[in-house]
Amino acid sequence: MQPTCILCEAKAHHTLGICADCWQDLPWQALSGCPQCGLPAAGNTCGSCLTDPPFFDATHALFEYAYPINALLQALKYQHALHLARLFAAISLKHVSTSDVDCVLPMPMHPARIQQRGFNQSLELAKRITKLLHKPLATHHCQRIRNTPPQASLPLKSRVSNIKAAFTCDDYFVGKHVAIVDDVMTSGASLNELAKTLKAAGAAKVTCWVMARTY
């Protein structure tokens, strides 16, 4: 039976279940973004990263956070559409250089939040990425120790203080290039705080792999 596109229900000849027209129309992230934070910067490091560098070294975002990617990520996150994690993982490995990565770390979620939601969407993405990539999944070496309010519920100016000292990491990361996997990057405060904690634990390089980037 001919598979149908998950977006328009046309015949999907693409192996990932998206037809050629929908694939072309996806809101792909421009290649000209700042290599460190992913914001528009004509391919150069942006002024913000030059004046106040984040603790992570690079950001690779697949898409802009726009339709239909935002709808798919919301379905993954809030409707338990876990099959979409496999889709995003497969797309990631087609578009991100992975050769020098030592391990993959999903954005940690506090146990109370996991109990409330039932799963960590970043972990679901990371599990599928590491299965395809054959790299270690470093979940047991880093935890979220503060159950902070969701970043999305806060004004941008409050997000840095909200996430401060929220993570702890052990010495597993010494000398390693760590890829942090997360679904959406908005202000980057959570990713930056996690990268700060990883660097303090000895990580040599931290790269953010996110499915979508907001502006």
N, C-alpha and C. Protein backbone atom coordinates (compact mmCIF):
# COMPACT_ATOMS: atom_id res chain seq x y z
N MET A 1 0.84 -1.20 0.00
CA MET A 1 0.00 0.00 0.00
C MET A 1 0.87 1.25 0.00
N GLN A 2 0.56 2.18 -0.90
CA GLN A 2 1.33 3.42 -1.01
C GLN A 2 1.13 4.29 0.23
N PRO A 3 2.23 4.64 0.95
CA PRO A 3 2.08 5.51 2.12
C PRO A 3 1.60 6.90 1.73
N THR A 4 0.90 7.54 2.65
CA THR A 4 0.41 8.90 2.40
C THR A 4 1.16 9.89 3.26
N CYS A 5 1.24 11.11 2.77
CA CYS A 5 1.94 12.19 3.46
C CYS A 5 1.24 12.49 4.79
N ILE A 6 2.00 12.65 5.85
CA ILE A 6 1.42 12.94 7.16
C ILE A 6 0.85 14.35 7.23
N LEU A 7 1.19 15.18 6.25
CA LEU A 7 0.72 16.57 6.27
C LEU A 7 -0.46 16.83 5.35
N CYS A 8 -0.46 16.22 4.16
CA CYS A 8 -1.53 16.54 3.20
C CYS A 8 -2.28 15.30 2.71
N GLU A 9 -1.81 14.10 3.11
CA GLU A 9 -2.42 12.82 2.74
C GLU A 9 -2.27 12.48 1.25
N ALA A 10 -1.44 13.23 0.54
CA ALA A 10 -1.09 12.83 -0.83
C ALA A 10 -0.16 11.63 -0.76
N LYS A 11 0.09 11.00 -1.88
CA LYS A 11 1.02 9.89 -1.90
C LYS A 11 2.42 10.39 -1.52
N ALA A 12 3.02 9.71 -0.58
CA ALA A 12 4.31 10.14 -0.05
C ALA A 12 5.41 9.24 -0.58
N HIS A 13 6.14 9.70 -1.56
CA HIS A 13 7.24 8.92 -2.10
C HIS A 13 8.49 9.06 -1.25
N HIS A 14 8.52 10.12 -0.41
CA HIS A 14 9.67 10.35 0.46
C HIS A 14 9.70 9.29 1.55
N THR A 15 10.87 8.82 1.87
CA THR A 15 10.99 7.73 2.83
C THR A 15 10.54 8.12 4.24
N LEU A 16 10.50 9.40 4.54
CA LEU A 16 10.12 9.83 5.88
C LEU A 16 8.63 10.10 6.02
N GLY A 17 7.86 9.81 4.98
CA GLY A 17 6.42 9.94 5.09
C GLY A 17 5.89 11.34 4.82
N ILE A 18 6.68 12.15 4.13
CA ILE A 18 6.25 13.50 3.73
C ILE A 18 6.42 13.61 2.22
N CYS A 19 5.40 14.06 1.54
CA CYS A 19 5.47 14.15 0.08
C CYS A 19 6.47 15.23 -0.34
N ALA A 20 6.88 15.20 -1.59
CA ALA A 20 7.93 16.09 -2.07
C ALA A 20 7.53 17.55 -1.96
N ASP A 21 6.27 17.87 -2.27
CA ASP A 21 5.83 19.26 -2.20
C ASP A 21 5.84 19.78 -0.78
N CYS A 22 5.33 18.99 0.16
CA CYS A 22 5.32 19.41 1.57
C CYS A 22 6.74 19.51 2.12
N TRP A 23 7.60 18.58 1.70
CA TRP A 23 8.99 18.61 2.14
C TRP A 23 9.66 19.91 1.73
N GLN A 24 9.42 20.32 0.51
CA GLN A 24 10.03 21.55 0.01
C GLN A 24 9.47 22.78 0.73
N ASP A 25 8.20 22.71 1.14
CA ASP A 25 7.55 23.86 1.75
C ASP A 25 7.75 23.95 3.27
N LEU A 26 8.44 22.99 3.85
CA LEU A 26 8.68 23.06 5.30
C LEU A 26 9.50 24.31 5.63
N PRO A 27 9.29 24.89 6.82
CA PRO A 27 10.01 26.13 7.19
C PRO A 27 11.44 25.85 7.63
N TRP A 28 12.26 25.44 6.67
CA TRP A 28 13.65 25.09 6.98
C TRP A 28 14.39 26.29 7.55
N GLN A 29 15.24 26.04 8.50
CA GLN A 29 16.06 27.10 9.07
C GLN A 29 17.06 27.58 8.03
N ALA A 30 17.18 28.89 7.90
CA ALA A 30 18.13 29.46 6.94
C ALA A 30 19.56 29.10 7.33
N LEU A 31 20.38 28.82 6.34
CA LEU A 31 21.77 28.46 6.59
C LEU A 31 22.62 29.66 6.96
N SER A 32 22.04 30.86 6.87
CA SER A 32 22.81 32.08 7.13
C SER A 32 22.71 32.56 8.57
N GLY A 33 22.20 31.73 9.47
CA GLY A 33 22.09 32.13 10.86
C GLY A 33 23.42 32.17 11.56
N CYS A 34 23.44 32.81 12.73
CA CYS A 34 24.64 32.83 13.57
C CYS A 34 25.02 31.40 13.92
N PRO A 35 26.26 30.98 13.67
CA PRO A 35 26.63 29.59 13.94
C PRO A 35 26.60 29.24 15.43
N GLN A 36 26.62 30.25 16.29
CA GLN A 36 26.64 29.96 17.72
C GLN A 36 25.23 29.88 18.31
N CYS A 37 24.36 30.83 17.99
CA CYS A 37 23.02 30.84 18.61
C CYS A 37 21.89 30.56 17.63
N GLY A 38 22.16 30.61 16.32
CA GLY A 38 21.15 30.28 15.34
C GLY A 38 20.26 31.43 14.89
N LEU A 39 20.40 32.60 15.48
CA LEU A 39 19.59 33.75 15.06
C LEU A 39 20.12 34.33 13.75
N PRO A 40 19.26 35.05 12.99
CA PRO A 40 19.70 35.61 11.71
C PRO A 40 20.93 36.50 11.88
N ALA A 41 21.96 36.23 11.05
CA ALA A 41 23.20 37.01 11.19
C ALA A 41 24.05 36.95 9.95
N ALA A 42 23.47 36.71 8.79
CA ALA A 42 24.19 36.67 7.52
C ALA A 42 25.35 35.69 7.54
N GLY A 43 25.20 34.61 8.32
CA GLY A 43 26.22 33.58 8.35
C GLY A 43 27.38 33.84 9.28
N ASN A 44 27.41 35.02 9.92
CA ASN A 44 28.50 35.37 10.83
C ASN A 44 28.03 35.30 12.28
N THR A 45 28.98 35.24 13.20
CA THR A 45 28.62 35.29 14.61
C THR A 45 27.94 36.61 14.91
N CYS A 46 26.78 36.57 15.53
CA CYS A 46 25.98 37.79 15.74
C CYS A 46 26.61 38.66 16.83
N GLY A 47 26.16 39.91 16.88
CA GLY A 47 26.70 40.87 17.83
C GLY A 47 26.48 40.44 19.27
N SER A 48 25.34 39.82 19.54
CA SER A 48 25.04 39.38 20.90
C SER A 48 26.02 38.31 21.36
N CYS A 49 26.33 37.36 20.48
CA CYS A 49 27.27 36.30 20.84
C CYS A 49 28.70 36.82 20.95
N LEU A 50 29.01 37.89 20.21
CA LEU A 50 30.34 38.48 20.30
C LEU A 50 30.52 39.24 21.61
N THR A 51 29.49 39.97 22.03
CA THR A 51 29.60 40.79 23.23
C THR A 51 29.33 40.01 24.52
N ASP A 52 28.44 39.02 24.44
CA ASP A 52 28.09 38.22 25.62
C ASP A 52 27.95 36.76 25.20
N PRO A 53 29.06 36.08 24.94
CA PRO A 53 29.00 34.72 24.37
C PRO A 53 28.27 33.74 25.27
N PRO A 54 27.40 32.94 24.70
CA PRO A 54 26.77 31.87 25.49
C PRO A 54 27.78 30.78 25.81
N PHE A 55 27.41 29.90 26.72
CA PHE A 55 28.31 28.81 27.10
C PHE A 55 28.32 27.70 26.07
N PHE A 56 27.28 27.58 25.25
CA PHE A 56 27.32 26.58 24.17
C PHE A 56 28.10 27.15 23.00
N ASP A 57 28.69 26.23 22.23
CA ASP A 57 29.61 26.64 21.16
C ASP A 57 28.96 26.75 19.79
N ALA A 58 27.86 26.05 19.60
CA ALA A 58 27.19 26.07 18.30
C ALA A 58 25.74 25.65 18.47
N THR A 59 24.91 26.06 17.51
CA THR A 59 23.50 25.68 17.49
C THR A 59 23.14 25.20 16.09
N HIS A 60 22.51 24.03 16.02
CA HIS A 60 21.99 23.51 14.76
C HIS A 60 20.48 23.34 14.93
N ALA A 61 19.73 24.17 14.23
CA ALA A 61 18.27 24.09 14.25
C ALA A 61 17.78 23.63 12.88
N LEU A 62 16.88 22.68 12.87
CA LEU A 62 16.36 22.19 11.60
C LEU A 62 15.40 23.18 10.96
N PHE A 63 14.50 23.73 11.79
CA PHE A 63 13.39 24.52 11.24
C PHE A 63 13.20 25.81 12.02
N GLU A 64 12.50 26.75 11.38
CA GLU A 64 11.91 27.85 12.10
C GLU A 64 10.65 27.31 12.79
N TYR A 65 10.32 27.90 13.92
CA TYR A 65 9.14 27.44 14.66
C TYR A 65 7.89 28.03 14.02
N ALA A 66 7.47 27.41 12.94
CA ALA A 66 6.32 27.89 12.16
C ALA A 66 5.55 26.67 11.66
N TYR A 67 4.35 26.91 11.16
CA TYR A 67 3.49 25.83 10.67
C TYR A 67 4.14 25.15 9.45
N PRO A 68 4.08 23.82 9.36
CA PRO A 68 3.40 22.87 10.24
C PRO A 68 4.30 22.27 11.32
N ILE A 69 5.57 22.73 11.38
CA ILE A 69 6.50 22.16 12.35
C ILE A 69 6.03 22.43 13.78
N ASN A 70 5.52 23.65 14.03
CA ASN A 70 5.05 23.93 15.39
C ASN A 70 3.92 22.99 15.79
N ALA A 71 3.02 22.69 14.85
CA ALA A 71 1.91 21.78 15.15
C ALA A 71 2.42 20.37 15.42
N LEU A 72 3.41 19.92 14.66
CA LEU A 72 3.96 18.58 14.87
C LEU A 72 4.67 18.48 16.22
N LEU A 73 5.44 19.51 16.57
CA LEU A 73 6.14 19.48 17.85
C LEU A 73 5.17 19.56 19.03
N GLN A 74 4.10 20.32 18.87
CA GLN A 74 3.08 20.38 19.93
C GLN A 74 2.37 19.04 20.07
N ALA A 75 2.15 18.35 18.95
CA ALA A 75 1.53 17.03 19.01
C ALA A 75 2.46 16.04 19.71
N LEU A 76 3.75 16.13 19.43
CA LEU A 76 4.72 15.28 20.11
C LEU A 76 4.72 15.55 21.61
N LYS A 77 4.72 16.82 21.97
CA LYS A 77 4.91 17.23 23.36
C LYS A 77 3.66 17.06 24.21
N TYR A 78 2.50 17.39 23.65
CA TYR A 78 1.28 17.45 24.46
C TYR A 78 0.26 16.36 24.13
N GLN A 79 0.42 15.70 22.99
CA GLN A 79 -0.55 14.68 22.60
C GLN A 79 0.08 13.28 22.51
N HIS A 80 1.30 13.15 23.02
CA HIS A 80 1.99 11.86 23.06
C HIS A 80 2.14 11.23 21.68
N ALA A 81 2.32 12.07 20.65
CA ALA A 81 2.53 11.54 19.28
C ALA A 81 4.00 11.16 19.13
N LEU A 82 4.40 10.10 19.84
CA LEU A 82 5.82 9.76 19.94
C LEU A 82 6.41 9.27 18.62
N HIS A 83 5.55 8.86 17.67
CA HIS A 83 6.08 8.44 16.37
C HIS A 83 6.77 9.61 15.65
N LEU A 84 6.40 10.85 16.03
CA LEU A 84 7.02 12.01 15.40
C LEU A 84 8.46 12.19 15.84
N ALA A 85 8.83 11.65 16.99
CA ALA A 85 10.22 11.72 17.44
C ALA A 85 11.13 11.00 16.45
N ARG A 86 10.66 9.89 15.91
CA ARG A 86 11.44 9.14 14.92
C ARG A 86 11.63 9.98 13.64
N LEU A 87 10.58 10.69 13.24
CA LEU A 87 10.67 11.56 12.06
C LEU A 87 11.71 12.64 12.25
N PHE A 88 11.64 13.36 13.38
CA PHE A 88 12.57 14.45 13.62
C PHE A 88 14.01 13.94 13.79
N ALA A 89 14.16 12.79 14.41
CA ALA A 89 15.50 12.21 14.57
C ALA A 89 16.12 11.90 13.21
N ALA A 90 15.34 11.32 12.33
CA ALA A 90 15.84 10.97 11.00
C ALA A 90 16.21 12.22 10.20
N ILE A 91 15.39 13.26 10.30
CA ILE A 91 15.71 14.51 9.61
C ILE A 91 16.98 15.12 10.18
N SER A 92 17.13 15.07 11.50
CA SER A 92 18.31 15.64 12.14
C SER A 92 19.59 15.07 11.57
N LEU A 93 19.63 13.75 11.43
CA LEU A 93 20.86 13.11 11.00
C LEU A 93 21.15 13.32 9.51
N LYS A 94 20.15 13.79 8.78
CA LYS A 94 20.37 14.14 7.38
C LYS A 94 20.96 15.53 7.23
N HIS A 95 20.82 16.37 8.28
CA HIS A 95 21.16 17.78 8.14
C HIS A 95 22.19 18.29 9.14
N VAL A 96 22.64 17.45 10.06
CA VAL A 96 23.58 17.89 11.09
C VAL A 96 24.85 17.05 11.02
N SER A 97 25.99 17.71 11.10
CA SER A 97 27.27 16.99 11.14
C SER A 97 27.46 16.40 12.54
N THR A 98 27.72 15.10 12.59
CA THR A 98 27.77 14.41 13.88
C THR A 98 29.11 13.73 14.14
N SER A 99 30.06 13.88 13.26
CA SER A 99 31.27 13.05 13.30
C SER A 99 32.08 13.23 14.57
N ASP A 100 32.16 14.45 15.12
CA ASP A 100 33.03 14.67 16.28
C ASP A 100 32.30 14.70 17.60
N VAL A 101 31.00 14.35 17.61
CA VAL A 101 30.23 14.32 18.86
C VAL A 101 30.57 13.07 19.65
N ASP A 102 30.79 13.23 20.95
CA ASP A 102 31.12 12.10 21.81
C ASP A 102 29.90 11.48 22.48
N CYS A 103 28.91 12.30 22.80
CA CYS A 103 27.72 11.79 23.48
C CYS A 103 26.55 12.74 23.25
N VAL A 104 25.36 12.24 23.49
CA VAL A 104 24.13 13.01 23.28
C VAL A 104 23.39 13.11 24.61
N LEU A 105 22.97 14.33 24.94
CA LEU A 105 22.28 14.58 26.20
C LEU A 105 20.94 15.26 25.94
N PRO A 106 19.83 14.60 26.23
CA PRO A 106 18.54 15.28 26.11
C PRO A 106 18.39 16.34 27.20
N MET A 107 17.69 17.41 26.91
CA MET A 107 17.42 18.42 27.93
C MET A 107 16.73 17.74 29.12
N PRO A 108 17.36 17.74 30.30
CA PRO A 108 16.77 17.03 31.44
C PRO A 108 15.47 17.67 31.90
N MET A 109 14.57 16.84 32.38
CA MET A 109 13.31 17.29 32.95
C MET A 109 13.26 16.83 34.41
N HIS A 110 12.73 17.66 35.27
CA HIS A 110 12.63 17.30 36.68
C HIS A 110 11.68 16.11 36.84
N PRO A 111 12.00 15.18 37.76
CA PRO A 111 11.14 14.00 37.94
C PRO A 111 9.67 14.33 38.18
N ALA A 112 9.40 15.42 38.87
CA ALA A 112 8.00 15.78 39.12
C ALA A 112 7.29 16.16 37.83
N ARG A 113 8.01 16.80 36.92
CA ARG A 113 7.42 17.17 35.63
C ARG A 113 7.23 15.94 34.75
N ILE A 114 8.17 15.00 34.81
CA ILE A 114 8.02 13.77 34.04
C ILE A 114 6.80 12.99 34.53
N GLN A 115 6.62 12.94 35.84
CA GLN A 115 5.47 12.25 36.40
C GLN A 115 4.17 12.91 35.95
N GLN A 116 4.19 14.22 35.87
CA GLN A 116 3.00 14.96 35.46
C GLN A 116 2.68 14.76 33.98
N ARG A 117 3.71 14.83 33.12
CA ARG A 117 3.49 14.73 31.69
C ARG A 117 3.50 13.29 31.20
N GLY A 118 4.30 12.45 31.85
CA GLY A 118 4.38 11.05 31.45
C GLY A 118 5.62 10.69 30.66
N PHE A 119 6.31 11.67 30.11
CA PHE A 119 7.53 11.42 29.34
C PHE A 119 8.25 12.74 29.11
N ASN A 120 9.50 12.63 28.71
CA ASN A 120 10.31 13.79 28.35
C ASN A 120 10.49 13.77 26.84
N GLN A 121 9.92 14.72 26.14
CA GLN A 121 9.96 14.71 24.68
C GLN A 121 11.39 14.82 24.15
N SER A 122 12.27 15.52 24.87
CA SER A 122 13.66 15.63 24.44
C SER A 122 14.37 14.29 24.56
N LEU A 123 14.03 13.52 25.58
CA LEU A 123 14.59 12.17 25.73
C LEU A 123 14.12 11.27 24.60
N GLU A 124 12.84 11.37 24.22
CA GLU A 124 12.33 10.56 23.12
C GLU A 124 13.07 10.88 21.82
N LEU A 125 13.33 12.16 21.59
CA LEU A 125 14.10 12.55 20.41
C LEU A 125 15.53 12.01 20.48
N ALA A 126 16.16 12.18 21.65
CA ALA A 126 17.56 11.78 21.81
C ALA A 126 17.73 10.27 21.70
N LYS A 127 16.80 9.50 22.23
CA LYS A 127 16.89 8.04 22.14
C LYS A 127 16.92 7.59 20.70
N ARG A 128 16.11 8.20 19.88
CA ARG A 128 16.04 7.80 18.47
C ARG A 128 17.26 8.30 17.70
N ILE A 129 17.77 9.47 18.07
CA ILE A 129 18.97 9.98 17.43
C ILE A 129 20.16 9.09 17.75
N THR A 130 20.33 8.72 19.01
CA THR A 130 21.48 7.90 19.38
C THR A 130 21.39 6.49 18.79
N LYS A 131 20.18 6.00 18.64
CA LYS A 131 20.01 4.68 18.02
C LYS A 131 20.50 4.70 16.58
N LEU A 132 20.21 5.79 15.87
CA LEU A 132 20.65 5.91 14.48
C LEU A 132 22.12 6.30 14.38
N LEU A 133 22.58 7.06 15.37
CA LEU A 133 23.93 7.62 15.34
C LEU A 133 24.98 6.70 15.95
N HIS A 134 24.54 5.78 16.80
CA HIS A 134 25.45 4.88 17.52
C HIS A 134 26.42 5.65 18.40
N LYS A 135 25.87 6.62 19.13
CA LYS A 135 26.62 7.40 20.11
C LYS A 135 25.98 7.19 21.49
N PRO A 136 26.76 7.36 22.57
CA PRO A 136 26.21 7.16 23.91
C PRO A 136 25.12 8.19 24.26
N LEU A 137 24.11 7.74 24.99
CA LEU A 137 23.06 8.59 25.52
C LEU A 137 23.40 8.87 26.98
N ALA A 138 23.66 10.13 27.31
CA ALA A 138 24.26 10.47 28.61
C ALA A 138 23.24 10.85 29.67
N THR A 139 22.09 10.24 29.67
CA THR A 139 21.01 10.65 30.58
C THR A 139 21.35 10.45 32.04
N HIS A 140 22.15 9.46 32.38
CA HIS A 140 22.40 9.15 33.78
C HIS A 140 23.48 10.03 34.40
N HIS A 141 24.05 10.91 33.62
CA HIS A 141 25.16 11.73 34.11
C HIS A 141 24.78 13.19 34.32
N CYS A 142 23.54 13.53 34.10
CA CYS A 142 23.09 14.90 34.27
C CYS A 142 21.62 14.90 34.67
N GLN A 143 21.28 15.68 35.69
CA GLN A 143 19.90 15.75 36.17
C GLN A 143 19.46 17.19 36.36
N ARG A 144 18.15 17.34 36.30
CA ARG A 144 17.55 18.63 36.65
C ARG A 144 17.15 18.56 38.12
N ILE A 145 17.70 19.42 38.95
CA ILE A 145 17.52 19.33 40.39
C ILE A 145 16.57 20.39 40.95
N ARG A 146 16.17 21.33 40.11
CA ARG A 146 15.18 22.33 40.54
C ARG A 146 13.95 22.21 39.66
N ASN A 147 12.79 22.09 40.27
CA ASN A 147 11.53 22.00 39.53
C ASN A 147 11.00 23.41 39.30
N THR A 148 11.55 24.06 38.30
CA THR A 148 11.20 25.45 38.02
C THR A 148 9.92 25.54 37.19
N PRO A 149 9.24 26.70 37.22
CA PRO A 149 8.10 26.88 36.33
C PRO A 149 8.52 26.74 34.88
N PRO A 150 7.64 26.27 33.99
CA PRO A 150 7.99 26.14 32.58
C PRO A 150 8.48 27.46 31.99
N GLN A 151 9.57 27.40 31.25
CA GLN A 151 10.13 28.61 30.65
C GLN A 151 9.12 29.31 29.74
N ALA A 152 8.32 28.53 29.03
CA ALA A 152 7.37 29.13 28.07
C ALA A 152 6.31 29.97 28.76
N SER A 153 6.13 29.76 30.07
CA SER A 153 5.10 30.51 30.79
C SER A 153 5.61 31.84 31.32
N LEU A 154 6.90 32.13 31.11
CA LEU A 154 7.52 33.31 31.71
C LEU A 154 7.93 34.32 30.65
N PRO A 155 7.98 35.62 31.02
CA PRO A 155 8.55 36.62 30.12
C PRO A 155 10.01 36.30 29.84
N LEU A 156 10.49 36.72 28.69
CA LEU A 156 11.86 36.41 28.30
C LEU A 156 12.87 36.87 29.35
N LYS A 157 12.64 38.04 29.96
CA LYS A 157 13.59 38.60 30.92
C LYS A 157 13.68 37.77 32.20
N SER A 158 12.66 36.98 32.48
CA SER A 158 12.64 36.19 33.71
C SER A 158 13.24 34.80 33.54
N ARG A 159 13.52 34.40 32.33
CA ARG A 159 13.90 33.01 32.08
C ARG A 159 15.30 32.66 32.56
N VAL A 160 16.21 33.62 32.50
CA VAL A 160 17.58 33.34 32.95
C VAL A 160 17.61 33.06 34.44
N SER A 161 16.95 33.92 35.24
CA SER A 161 16.94 33.72 36.69
C SER A 161 16.13 32.48 37.07
N ASN A 162 15.09 32.17 36.31
CA ASN A 162 14.25 31.02 36.61
C ASN A 162 15.03 29.71 36.50
N ILE A 163 15.93 29.64 35.55
CA ILE A 163 16.61 28.38 35.26
C ILE A 163 17.98 28.27 35.95
N LYS A 164 18.37 29.30 36.69
CA LYS A 164 19.70 29.33 37.30
C LYS A 164 19.88 28.17 38.27
N ALA A 165 21.03 27.50 38.18
CA ALA A 165 21.40 26.38 39.05
C ALA A 165 20.38 25.25 39.04
N ALA A 166 19.76 25.03 37.88
CA ALA A 166 18.71 24.01 37.78
C ALA A 166 19.27 22.62 37.48
N PHE A 167 20.55 22.52 37.08
CA PHE A 167 21.11 21.25 36.64
C PHE A 167 22.34 20.86 37.45
N THR A 168 22.64 19.58 37.45
CA THR A 168 23.90 19.09 37.99
C THR A 168 24.42 17.99 37.07
N CYS A 169 25.74 17.98 36.83
CA CYS A 169 26.36 17.00 35.94
C CYS A 169 27.59 16.43 36.61
N ASP A 170 27.92 15.17 36.31
CA ASP A 170 29.11 14.56 36.91
C ASP A 170 30.29 14.62 35.95
N ASP A 171 31.39 13.98 36.33
CA ASP A 171 32.63 14.12 35.56
C ASP A 171 32.69 13.24 34.32
N TYR A 172 31.60 12.59 33.97
CA TYR A 172 31.55 11.80 32.73
C TYR A 172 31.88 12.67 31.52
N PHE A 173 31.56 13.96 31.60
CA PHE A 173 31.65 14.84 30.43
C PHE A 173 33.04 15.45 30.23
N VAL A 174 33.98 15.15 31.11
CA VAL A 174 35.31 15.74 31.01
C VAL A 174 35.92 15.47 29.63
N GLY A 175 36.29 16.54 28.94
CA GLY A 175 36.95 16.44 27.65
C GLY A 175 36.06 16.07 26.48
N LYS A 176 34.76 15.94 26.70
CA LYS A 176 33.86 15.46 25.65
C LYS A 176 33.17 16.61 24.91
N HIS A 177 32.82 16.30 23.65
CA HIS A 177 31.93 17.16 22.86
C HIS A 177 30.51 16.63 23.07
N VAL A 178 29.69 17.43 23.71
CA VAL A 178 28.33 17.02 24.09
C VAL A 178 27.32 17.70 23.17
N ALA A 179 26.42 16.92 22.61
CA ALA A 179 25.30 17.47 21.84
C ALA A 179 24.06 17.43 22.71
N ILE A 180 23.51 18.61 23.02
CA ILE A 180 22.25 18.70 23.76
C ILE A 180 21.10 18.65 22.77
N VAL A 181 20.14 17.77 23.00
CA VAL A 181 18.97 17.65 22.14
C VAL A 181 17.76 18.27 22.86
N ASP A 182 17.06 19.15 22.14
CA ASP A 182 15.83 19.75 22.68
C ASP A 182 14.87 19.98 21.53
N ASP A 183 13.60 20.17 21.87
CA ASP A 183 12.61 20.33 20.80
C ASP A 183 12.62 21.73 20.22
N VAL A 184 12.52 22.75 21.08
CA VAL A 184 12.42 24.14 20.61
C VAL A 184 13.39 25.03 21.39
N MET A 185 14.06 25.91 20.68
CA MET A 185 14.92 26.92 21.30
C MET A 185 14.26 28.27 21.13
N THR A 186 13.99 28.93 22.26
CA THR A 186 13.37 30.26 22.21
C THR A 186 14.39 31.30 22.64
N SER A 187 14.47 31.59 23.93
CA SER A 187 15.50 32.52 24.40
C SER A 187 16.87 31.85 24.49
N GLY A 188 16.88 30.53 24.62
CA GLY A 188 18.13 29.81 24.78
C GLY A 188 18.62 29.76 26.22
N ALA A 189 17.82 30.26 27.16
CA ALA A 189 18.26 30.34 28.56
C ALA A 189 18.49 28.96 29.16
N SER A 190 17.57 28.02 28.91
CA SER A 190 17.74 26.67 29.47
C SER A 190 18.97 25.99 28.87
N LEU A 191 19.13 26.08 27.57
CA LEU A 191 20.28 25.48 26.91
C LEU A 191 21.58 26.10 27.39
N ASN A 192 21.57 27.40 27.61
CA ASN A 192 22.78 28.08 28.07
C ASN A 192 23.14 27.68 29.50
N GLU A 193 22.12 27.56 30.36
CA GLU A 193 22.40 27.15 31.74
C GLU A 193 22.91 25.71 31.79
N LEU A 194 22.33 24.85 30.96
CA LEU A 194 22.81 23.47 30.90
C LEU A 194 24.23 23.41 30.34
N ALA A 195 24.50 24.20 29.31
CA ALA A 195 25.86 24.25 28.74
C ALA A 195 26.85 24.77 29.78
N LYS A 196 26.44 25.75 30.56
CA LYS A 196 27.30 26.29 31.63
C LYS A 196 27.64 25.19 32.63
N THR A 197 26.65 24.40 33.00
CA THR A 197 26.86 23.31 33.96
C THR A 197 27.76 22.23 33.37
N LEU A 198 27.58 21.92 32.08
CA LEU A 198 28.42 20.94 31.41
C LEU A 198 29.87 21.42 31.32
N LYS A 199 30.06 22.68 31.00
CA LYS A 199 31.42 23.21 30.93
C LYS A 199 32.09 23.18 32.31
N ALA A 200 31.31 23.50 33.35
CA ALA A 200 31.85 23.45 34.71
C ALA A 200 32.23 22.02 35.11
N ALA A 201 31.54 21.03 34.51
CA ALA A 201 31.84 19.62 34.77
C ALA A 201 32.96 19.09 33.89
N GLY A 202 33.51 19.95 33.01
CA GLY A 202 34.67 19.56 32.22
C GLY A 202 34.43 19.33 30.74
N ALA A 203 33.21 19.54 30.25
CA ALA A 203 32.95 19.35 28.83
C ALA A 203 33.82 20.28 27.99
N ALA A 204 34.36 19.75 26.91
CA ALA A 204 35.23 20.55 26.04
C ALA A 204 34.45 21.39 25.06
N LYS A 205 33.30 20.87 24.62
CA LYS A 205 32.49 21.57 23.62
C LYS A 205 31.04 21.17 23.81
N VAL A 206 30.14 22.13 23.63
CA VAL A 206 28.70 21.87 23.75
C VAL A 206 28.00 22.42 22.52
N THR A 207 27.26 21.56 21.84
CA THR A 207 26.49 21.95 20.67
C THR A 207 25.01 21.69 20.94
N CYS A 208 24.17 22.63 20.55
CA CYS A 208 22.72 22.48 20.72
C CYS A 208 22.12 21.95 19.43
N TRP A 209 21.45 20.81 19.51
CA TRP A 209 20.67 20.27 18.39
C TRP A 209 19.20 20.47 18.72
N VAL A 210 18.55 21.39 18.04
CA VAL A 210 17.13 21.65 18.31
C VAL A 210 16.33 21.45 17.04
N MET A 211 15.09 21.01 17.21
CA MET A 211 14.24 20.76 16.07
C MET A 211 13.76 22.06 15.44
N ALA A 212 13.54 23.09 16.28
CA ALA A 212 13.04 24.36 15.75
C ALA A 212 13.58 25.51 16.57
N ARG A 213 13.72 26.67 15.93
CA ARG A 213 14.26 27.89 16.56
C ARG A 213 13.25 29.01 16.36
N THR A 214 12.91 29.70 17.44
CA THR A 214 12.06 30.88 17.32
C THR A 214 12.93 32.12 17.15
N TYR A 215 12.30 33.19 16.66
CA TYR A 215 13.01 34.47 16.51
C TYR A 215 12.41 35.50 17.42
